[in-house]
Amino acid sequence: MAVVTVRNLSEETHRALKLRAAQHGRSTEAEIREILKEAVRPKLRLKIGSELATLKNRFVGLDFASTRDQKPAEPAVFE
């Protein structure tokens, strides 16, 4: 786990964090972790797997089956 030190935090901000933590029934440290997590990983973020599943469901009934060319790939030539 990483450790982060925040310096020069105003007393007003620290008091507000402690109050907010108490309102949520958490320690100040746990509250800060939650705030940071929500800032960088919002609940409404785009989840690529979910988006791909939604896209697939839009095209239900279409046949995307294709056969793979079984011949070996030719090596690239750089001249």
PDB file of N, CA and C in Angstrom:
ATOM      1  N   MET A   1       0.830  -1.187   0.000  1.00  0.00           N
ATOM      2  CA  MET A   1       0.000   0.000   0.000  1.00  0.00           C
ATOM      3  C   MET A   1       0.872   1.248   0.000  1.00  0.00           C
ATOM      4  N   ALA A   2       0.456   2.213  -0.767  1.00  0.00           N
ATOM      5  CA  ALA A   2       1.183   3.479  -0.826  1.00  0.00           C
ATOM      6  C   ALA A   2       0.812   4.354   0.364  1.00  0.00           C
ATOM      7  N   VAL A   3       1.712   5.217   0.727  1.00  0.00           N
ATOM      8  CA  VAL A   3       1.485   6.165   1.814  1.00  0.00           C
ATOM      9  C   VAL A   3       1.661   7.559   1.249  1.00  0.00           C
ATOM     10  N   VAL A   4       0.715   8.441   1.555  1.00  0.00           N
ATOM     11  CA  VAL A   4       0.763   9.814   1.068  1.00  0.00           C
ATOM     12  C   VAL A   4       0.700  10.742   2.270  1.00  0.00           C
ATOM     13  N   THR A   5       1.548  11.742   2.280  1.00  0.00           N
ATOM     14  CA  THR A   5       1.535  12.745   3.327  1.00  0.00           C
ATOM     15  C   THR A   5       1.055  14.051   2.710  1.00  0.00           C
ATOM     16  N   VAL A   6       0.086  14.676   3.342  1.00  0.00           N
ATOM     17  CA  VAL A   6      -0.424  15.960   2.861  1.00  0.00           C
ATOM     18  C   VAL A   6       0.060  17.033   3.824  1.00  0.00           C
ATOM     19  N   ARG A   7       0.852  17.930   3.315  1.00  0.00           N
ATOM     20  CA  ARG A   7       1.399  19.007   4.148  1.00  0.00           C
ATOM     21  C   ARG A   7       0.619  20.295   3.924  1.00  0.00           C
ATOM     22  N   ASN A   8       0.733  21.184   4.869  1.00  0.00           N
ATOM     23  CA  ASN A   8       0.160  22.528   4.786  1.00  0.00           C
ATOM     24  C   ASN A   8      -1.360  22.521   4.609  1.00  0.00           C
ATOM     25  N   LEU A   9      -2.039  21.557   5.222  1.00  0.00           N
ATOM     26  CA  LEU A   9      -3.489  21.504   5.205  1.00  0.00           C
ATOM     27  C   LEU A   9      -3.998  22.500   6.235  1.00  0.00           C
ATOM     28  N   SER A  10      -4.892  23.366   5.828  1.00  0.00           N
ATOM     29  CA  SER A  10      -5.380  24.389   6.761  1.00  0.00           C
ATOM     30  C   SER A  10      -6.182  23.732   7.882  1.00  0.00           C
ATOM     31  N   GLU A  11      -6.207  24.398   9.030  1.00  0.00           N
ATOM     32  CA  GLU A  11      -6.977  23.897  10.173  1.00  0.00           C
ATOM     33  C   GLU A  11      -8.456  23.798   9.817  1.00  0.00           C
ATOM     34  N   GLU A  12      -8.936  24.752   9.048  1.00  0.00           N
ATOM     35  CA  GLU A  12     -10.340  24.756   8.640  1.00  0.00           C
ATOM     36  C   GLU A  12     -10.660  23.509   7.812  1.00  0.00           C
ATOM     37  N   THR A  13      -9.797  23.173   6.872  1.00  0.00           N
ATOM     38  CA  THR A  13      -9.996  21.986   6.048  1.00  0.00           C
ATOM     39  C   THR A  13      -9.917  20.720   6.887  1.00  0.00           C
ATOM     40  N   HIS A  14      -8.964  20.679   7.799  1.00  0.00           N
ATOM     41  CA  HIS A  14      -8.816  19.507   8.662  1.00  0.00           C
ATOM     42  C   HIS A  14     -10.053  19.310   9.532  1.00  0.00           C
ATOM     43  N   ARG A  15     -10.578  20.399  10.098  1.00  0.00           N
ATOM     44  CA  ARG A  15     -11.804  20.306  10.906  1.00  0.00           C
ATOM     45  C   ARG A  15     -12.977  19.817  10.056  1.00  0.00           C
ATOM     46  N   ALA A  16     -13.085  20.321   8.825  1.00  0.00           N
ATOM     47  CA  ALA A  16     -14.174  19.907   7.931  1.00  0.00           C
ATOM     48  C   ALA A  16     -14.061  18.425   7.586  1.00  0.00           C
ATOM     49  N   LEU A  17     -12.839  17.955   7.375  1.00  0.00           N
ATOM     50  CA  LEU A  17     -12.629  16.530   7.092  1.00  0.00           C
ATOM     51  C   LEU A  17     -13.027  15.671   8.292  1.00  0.00           C
ATOM     52  N   LYS A  18     -12.655  16.111   9.497  1.00  0.00           N
ATOM     53  CA  LYS A  18     -13.000  15.363  10.702  1.00  0.00           C
ATOM     54  C   LYS A  18     -14.516  15.322  10.894  1.00  0.00           C
ATOM     55  N   LEU A  19     -15.189  16.430  10.629  1.00  0.00           N
ATOM     56  CA  LEU A  19     -16.643  16.491  10.754  1.00  0.00           C
ATOM     57  C   LEU A  19     -17.310  15.572   9.734  1.00  0.00           C
ATOM     58  N   ARG A  20     -16.849  15.651   8.505  1.00  0.00           N
ATOM     59  CA  ARG A  20     -17.403  14.803   7.448  1.00  0.00           C
ATOM     60  C   ARG A  20     -17.200  13.324   7.771  1.00  0.00           C
ATOM     61  N   ALA A  21     -16.030  12.984   8.276  1.00  0.00           N
ATOM     62  CA  ALA A  21     -15.739  11.593   8.655  1.00  0.00           C
ATOM     63  C   ALA A  21     -16.690  11.132   9.753  1.00  0.00           C
ATOM     64  N   ALA A  22     -16.909  11.971  10.736  1.00  0.00           N
ATOM     65  CA  ALA A  22     -17.817  11.621  11.825  1.00  0.00           C
ATOM     66  C   ALA A  22     -19.239  11.412  11.306  1.00  0.00           C
ATOM     67  N   GLN A  23     -19.666  12.241  10.363  1.00  0.00           N
ATOM     68  CA  GLN A  23     -21.003  12.103   9.779  1.00  0.00           C
ATOM     69  C   GLN A  23     -21.169  10.778   9.042  1.00  0.00           C
ATOM     70  N   HIS A  24     -20.082  10.276   8.482  1.00  0.00           N
ATOM     71  CA  HIS A  24     -20.125   9.010   7.746  1.00  0.00           C
ATOM     72  C   HIS A  24     -19.698   7.825   8.609  1.00  0.00           C
ATOM     73  N   GLY A  25     -19.396   8.065   9.867  1.00  0.00           N
ATOM     74  CA  GLY A  25     -19.015   6.992  10.770  1.00  0.00           C
ATOM     75  C   GLY A  25     -17.663   6.369  10.440  1.00  0.00           C
ATOM     76  N   ARG A  26     -16.745   7.195   9.955  1.00  0.00           N
ATOM     77  CA  ARG A  26     -15.409   6.719   9.581  1.00  0.00           C
ATOM     78  C   ARG A  26     -14.352   7.544  10.298  1.00  0.00           C
ATOM     79  N   SER A  27     -13.138   7.009  10.273  1.00  0.00           N
ATOM     80  CA  SER A  27     -12.008   7.798  10.762  1.00  0.00           C
ATOM     81  C   SER A  27     -11.696   8.866   9.710  1.00  0.00           C
ATOM     82  N   THR A  28     -10.949   9.873  10.124  1.00  0.00           N
ATOM     83  CA  THR A  28     -10.562  10.920   9.175  1.00  0.00           C
ATOM     84  C   THR A  28      -9.746  10.324   8.030  1.00  0.00           C
ATOM     85  N   GLU A  29      -8.855   9.409   8.359  1.00  0.00           N
ATOM     86  CA  GLU A  29      -8.036   8.774   7.327  1.00  0.00           C
ATOM     87  C   GLU A  29      -8.890   7.985   6.345  1.00  0.00           C
ATOM     88  N   ALA A  30      -9.872   7.241   6.846  1.00  0.00           N
ATOM     89  CA  ALA A  30     -10.756   6.474   5.963  1.00  0.00           C
ATOM     90  C   ALA A  30     -11.585   7.412   5.087  1.00  0.00           C
ATOM     91  N   GLU A  31     -12.004   8.523   5.646  1.00  0.00           N
ATOM     92  CA  GLU A  31     -12.785   9.502   4.877  1.00  0.00           C
ATOM     93  C   GLU A  31     -11.945  10.095   3.753  1.00  0.00           C
ATOM     94  N   ILE A  32     -10.700  10.413   4.037  1.00  0.00           N
ATOM     95  CA  ILE A  32      -9.807  10.961   3.003  1.00  0.00           C
ATOM     96  C   ILE A  32      -9.606   9.929   1.900  1.00  0.00           C
ATOM     97  N   ARG A  33      -9.430   8.644   2.265  1.00  0.00           N
ATOM     98  CA  ARG A  33      -9.293   7.583   1.253  1.00  0.00           C
ATOM     99  C   ARG A  33     -10.541   7.521   0.372  1.00  0.00           C
ATOM    100  N   GLU A  34     -11.706   7.623   0.978  1.00  0.00           N
ATOM    101  CA  GLU A  34     -12.959   7.566   0.213  1.00  0.00           C
ATOM    102  C   GLU A  34     -13.087   8.757  -0.725  1.00  0.00           C
ATOM    103  N   ILE A  35     -12.733   9.938  -0.253  1.00  0.00           N
ATOM    104  CA  ILE A  35     -12.785  11.145  -1.087  1.00  0.00           C
ATOM    105  C   ILE A  35     -11.856  10.992  -2.283  1.00  0.00           C
ATOM    106  N   LEU A  36     -10.639  10.520  -2.036  1.00  0.00           N
ATOM    107  CA  LEU A  36      -9.673  10.345  -3.127  1.00  0.00           C
ATOM    108  C   LEU A  36     -10.149   9.282  -4.117  1.00  0.00           C
ATOM    109  N   LYS A  37     -10.694   8.177  -3.606  1.00  0.00           N
ATOM    110  CA  LYS A  37     -11.181   7.109  -4.483  1.00  0.00           C
ATOM    111  C   LYS A  37     -12.292   7.625  -5.391  1.00  0.00           C
ATOM    112  N   GLU A  38     -13.237   8.359  -4.823  1.00  0.00           N
ATOM    113  CA  GLU A  38     -14.335   8.902  -5.620  1.00  0.00           C
ATOM    114  C   GLU A  38     -13.838   9.923  -6.645  1.00  0.00           C
ATOM    115  N   ALA A  39     -12.780  10.646  -6.304  1.00  0.00           N
ATOM    116  CA  ALA A  39     -12.250  11.647  -7.225  1.00  0.00           C
ATOM    117  C   ALA A  39     -11.615  11.007  -8.461  1.00  0.00           C
ATOM    118  N   VAL A  40     -10.948   9.888  -8.265  1.00  0.00           N
ATOM    119  CA  VAL A  40     -10.239   9.279  -9.393  1.00  0.00           C
ATOM    120  C   VAL A  40     -10.990   8.110 -10.024  1.00  0.00           C
ATOM    121  N   ARG A  41     -11.979   7.556  -9.316  1.00  0.00           N
ATOM    122  CA  ARG A  41     -12.767   6.438  -9.836  1.00  0.00           C
ATOM    123  C   ARG A  41     -14.246   6.684  -9.577  1.00  0.00           C
ATOM    124  N   PRO A  42     -14.839   7.661 -10.282  1.00  0.00           N
ATOM    125  CA  PRO A  42     -16.241   7.978 -10.029  1.00  0.00           C
ATOM    126  C   PRO A  42     -17.162   6.805 -10.372  1.00  0.00           C
ATOM    127  N   LYS A  43     -18.287   6.727  -9.688  1.00  0.00           N
ATOM    128  CA  LYS A  43     -19.230   5.628  -9.897  1.00  0.00           C
ATOM    129  C   LYS A  43     -19.744   5.593 -11.334  1.00  0.00           C
ATOM    130  N   LEU A  44     -19.837   6.741 -11.981  1.00  0.00           N
ATOM    131  CA  LEU A  44     -20.383   6.804 -13.330  1.00  0.00           C
ATOM    132  C   LEU A  44     -19.310   6.706 -14.409  1.00  0.00           C
ATOM    133  N   ARG A  45     -18.126   6.193 -14.042  1.00  0.00           N
ATOM    134  CA  ARG A  45     -17.049   6.100 -15.022  1.00  0.00           C
ATOM    135  C   ARG A  45     -17.395   5.076 -16.099  1.00  0.00           C
ATOM    136  N   LEU A  46     -16.788   5.230 -17.240  1.00  0.00           N
ATOM    137  CA  LEU A  46     -16.972   4.312 -18.349  1.00  0.00           C
ATOM    138  C   LEU A  46     -16.256   3.007 -18.046  1.00  0.00           C
ATOM    139  N   LYS A  47     -16.990   1.920 -18.107  1.00  0.00           N
ATOM    140  CA  LYS A  47     -16.412   0.595 -17.888  1.00  0.00           C
ATOM    141  C   LYS A  47     -16.432  -0.124 -19.233  1.00  0.00           C
ATOM    142  N   ILE A  48     -15.266  -0.368 -19.791  1.00  0.00           N
ATOM    143  CA  ILE A  48     -15.160  -0.868 -21.155  1.00  0.00           C
ATOM    144  C   ILE A  48     -15.849  -2.220 -21.325  1.00  0.00           C
ATOM    145  N   GLY A  49     -15.750  -3.108 -20.365  1.00  0.00           N
ATOM    146  CA  GLY A  49     -16.400  -4.412 -20.474  1.00  0.00           C
ATOM    147  C   GLY A  49     -17.910  -4.281 -20.566  1.00  0.00           C
ATOM    148  N   SER A  50     -18.481  -3.426 -19.745  1.00  0.00           N
ATOM    149  CA  SER A  50     -19.930  -3.200 -19.771  1.00  0.00           C
ATOM    150  C   SER A  50     -20.355  -2.568 -21.086  1.00  0.00           C
ATOM    151  N   GLU A  51     -19.553  -1.634 -21.574  1.00  0.00           N
ATOM    152  CA  GLU A  51     -19.878  -0.983 -22.845  1.00  0.00           C
ATOM    153  C   GLU A  51     -19.831  -1.978 -24.000  1.00  0.00           C
ATOM    154  N   LEU A  52     -18.846  -2.873 -23.988  1.00  0.00           N
ATOM    155  CA  LEU A  52     -18.763  -3.879 -25.048  1.00  0.00           C
ATOM    156  C   LEU A  52     -19.953  -4.834 -24.989  1.00  0.00           C
ATOM    157  N   ALA A  53     -20.372  -5.216 -23.799  1.00  0.00           N
ATOM    158  CA  ALA A  53     -21.532  -6.091 -23.662  1.00  0.00           C
ATOM    159  C   ALA A  53     -22.791  -5.397 -24.173  1.00  0.00           C
ATOM    160  N   THR A  54     -22.945  -4.115 -23.875  1.00  0.00           N
ATOM    161  CA  THR A  54     -24.093  -3.347 -24.359  1.00  0.00           C
ATOM    162  C   THR A  54     -24.075  -3.278 -25.880  1.00  0.00           C
ATOM    163  N   LEU A  55     -22.919  -3.030 -26.445  1.00  0.00           N
ATOM    164  CA  LEU A  55     -22.788  -2.966 -27.900  1.00  0.00           C
ATOM    165  C   LEU A  55     -23.155  -4.302 -28.534  1.00  0.00           C
ATOM    166  N   LYS A  56     -22.683  -5.388 -27.955  1.00  0.00           N
ATOM    167  CA  LYS A  56     -22.998  -6.723 -28.471  1.00  0.00           C
ATOM    168  C   LYS A  56     -24.500  -6.967 -28.447  1.00  0.00           C
ATOM    169  N   ASN A  57     -25.150  -6.553 -27.362  1.00  0.00           N
ATOM    170  CA  ASN A  57     -26.589  -6.769 -27.226  1.00  0.00           C
ATOM    171  C   ASN A  57     -27.401  -5.974 -28.246  1.00  0.00           C
ATOM    172  N   ARG A  58     -26.854  -4.865 -28.736  1.00  0.00           N
ATOM    173  CA  ARG A  58     -27.549  -4.083 -29.758  1.00  0.00           C
ATOM    174  C   ARG A  58     -27.643  -4.841 -31.077  1.00  0.00           C
ATOM    175  N   PHE A  59     -26.694  -5.722 -31.300  1.00  0.00           N
ATOM    176  CA  PHE A  59     -26.619  -6.424 -32.577  1.00  0.00           C
ATOM    177  C   PHE A  59     -27.025  -7.885 -32.461  1.00  0.00           C
ATOM    178  N   VAL A  60     -27.917  -8.196 -31.521  1.00  0.00           N
ATOM    179  CA  VAL A  60     -28.399  -9.568 -31.353  1.00  0.00           C
ATOM    180  C   VAL A  60     -29.073  -9.999 -32.648  1.00  0.00           C
ATOM    181  N   GLY A  61     -28.777 -11.188 -33.066  1.00  0.00           N
ATOM    182  CA  GLY A  61     -29.377 -11.715 -34.292  1.00  0.00           C
ATOM    183  C   GLY A  61     -28.476 -11.598 -35.500  1.00  0.00           C
ATOM    184  N   LEU A  62     -27.509 -10.732 -35.450  1.00  0.00           N
ATOM    185  CA  LEU A  62     -26.561 -10.620 -36.554  1.00  0.00           C
ATOM    186  C   LEU A  62     -25.480 -11.671 -36.365  1.00  0.00           C
ATOM    187  N   ASP A  63     -25.041 -12.260 -37.451  1.00  0.00           N
ATOM    188  CA  ASP A  63     -24.029 -13.307 -37.377  1.00  0.00           C
ATOM    189  C   ASP A  63     -22.671 -12.719 -37.717  1.00  0.00           C
ATOM    190  N   PHE A  64     -21.825 -12.619 -36.725  1.00  0.00           N
ATOM    191  CA  PHE A  64     -20.486 -12.098 -36.937  1.00  0.00           C
ATOM    192  C   PHE A  64     -19.464 -13.215 -37.059  1.00  0.00           C
ATOM    193  N   ALA A  65     -19.930 -14.440 -37.221  1.00  0.00           N
ATOM    194  CA  ALA A  65     -19.011 -15.569 -37.316  1.00  0.00           C
ATOM    195  C   ALA A  65     -18.178 -15.439 -38.592  1.00  0.00           C
ATOM    196  N   SER A  66     -16.927 -15.654 -38.450  1.00  0.00           N
ATOM    197  CA  SER A  66     -16.044 -15.639 -39.611  1.00  0.00           C
ATOM    198  C   SER A  66     -15.013 -16.735 -39.418  1.00  0.00           C
ATOM    199  N   THR A  67     -14.485 -17.192 -40.511  1.00  0.00           N
ATOM    200  CA  THR A  67     -13.468 -18.229 -40.411  1.00  0.00           C
ATOM    201  C   THR A  67     -12.101 -17.588 -40.524  1.00  0.00           C
ATOM    202  N   ARG A  68     -11.195 -18.087 -39.749  1.00  0.00           N
ATOM    203  CA  ARG A  68      -9.841 -17.554 -39.730  1.00  0.00           C
ATOM    204  C   ARG A  68      -9.037 -18.186 -40.843  1.00  0.00           C
ATOM    205  N   ASP A  69      -8.266 -17.381 -41.521  1.00  0.00           N
ATOM    206  CA  ASP A  69      -7.355 -17.886 -42.540  1.00  0.00           C
ATOM    207  C   ASP A  69      -6.275 -18.692 -41.828  1.00  0.00           C
ATOM    208  N   GLN A  70      -6.163 -19.964 -42.148  1.00  0.00           N
ATOM    209  CA  GLN A  70      -5.250 -20.862 -41.452  1.00  0.00           C
ATOM    210  C   GLN A  70      -3.821 -20.816 -41.977  1.00  0.00           C
ATOM    211  N   LYS A  71      -3.579 -20.075 -43.059  1.00  0.00           N
ATOM    212  CA  LYS A  71      -2.224 -19.989 -43.597  1.00  0.00           C
ATOM    213  C   LYS A  71      -1.323 -19.234 -42.616  1.00  0.00           C
ATOM    214  N   PRO A  72      -0.071 -19.650 -42.523  1.00  0.00           N
ATOM    215  CA  PRO A  72       0.852 -18.923 -41.632  1.00  0.00           C
ATOM    216  C   PRO A  72       1.035 -17.477 -42.111  1.00  0.00           C
ATOM    217  N   ALA A  73       1.183 -16.589 -41.168  1.00  0.00           N
ATOM    218  CA  ALA A  73       1.396 -15.183 -41.501  1.00  0.00           C
ATOM    219  C   ALA A  73       2.779 -15.016 -42.116  1.00  0.00           C
ATOM    220  N   GLU A  74       2.864 -14.123 -43.083  1.00  0.00           N
ATOM    221  CA  GLU A  74       4.161 -13.817 -43.699  1.00  0.00           C
ATOM    222  C   GLU A  74       4.898 -12.817 -42.816  1.00  0.00           C
ATOM    223  N   PRO A  75       6.185 -13.007 -42.618  1.00  0.00           N
ATOM    224  CA  PRO A  75       6.939 -12.052 -41.795  1.00  0.00           C
ATOM    225  C   PRO A  75       7.007 -10.687 -42.481  1.00  0.00           C
ATOM    226  N   ALA A  76       7.082  -9.658 -41.688  1.00  0.00           N
ATOM    227  CA  ALA A  76       7.188  -8.296 -42.215  1.00  0.00           C
ATOM    228  C   ALA A  76       8.556  -8.107 -42.844  1.00  0.00           C
ATOM    229  N   VAL A  77       8.576  -7.334 -43.921  1.00  0.00           N
ATOM    230  CA  VAL A  77       9.826  -7.020 -44.603  1.00  0.00           C
ATOM    231  C   VAL A  77      10.083  -5.531 -44.466  1.00  0.00           C
ATOM    232  N   PHE A  78      11.230  -5.170 -43.926  1.00  0.00           N
ATOM    233  CA  PHE A  78      11.584  -3.777 -43.732  1.00  0.00           C
ATOM    234  C   PHE A  78      12.800  -3.468 -44.593  1.00  0.00           C
ATOM    235  N   GLU A  79      12.570  -2.866 -45.721  1.00  0.00           N
ATOM    236  CA  GLU A  79      13.688  -2.544 -46.627  1.00  0.00           C
ATOM    237  C   GLU A  79      13.681  -1.079 -46.955  1.00  0.00           C
TER     238      GLU A  79
END
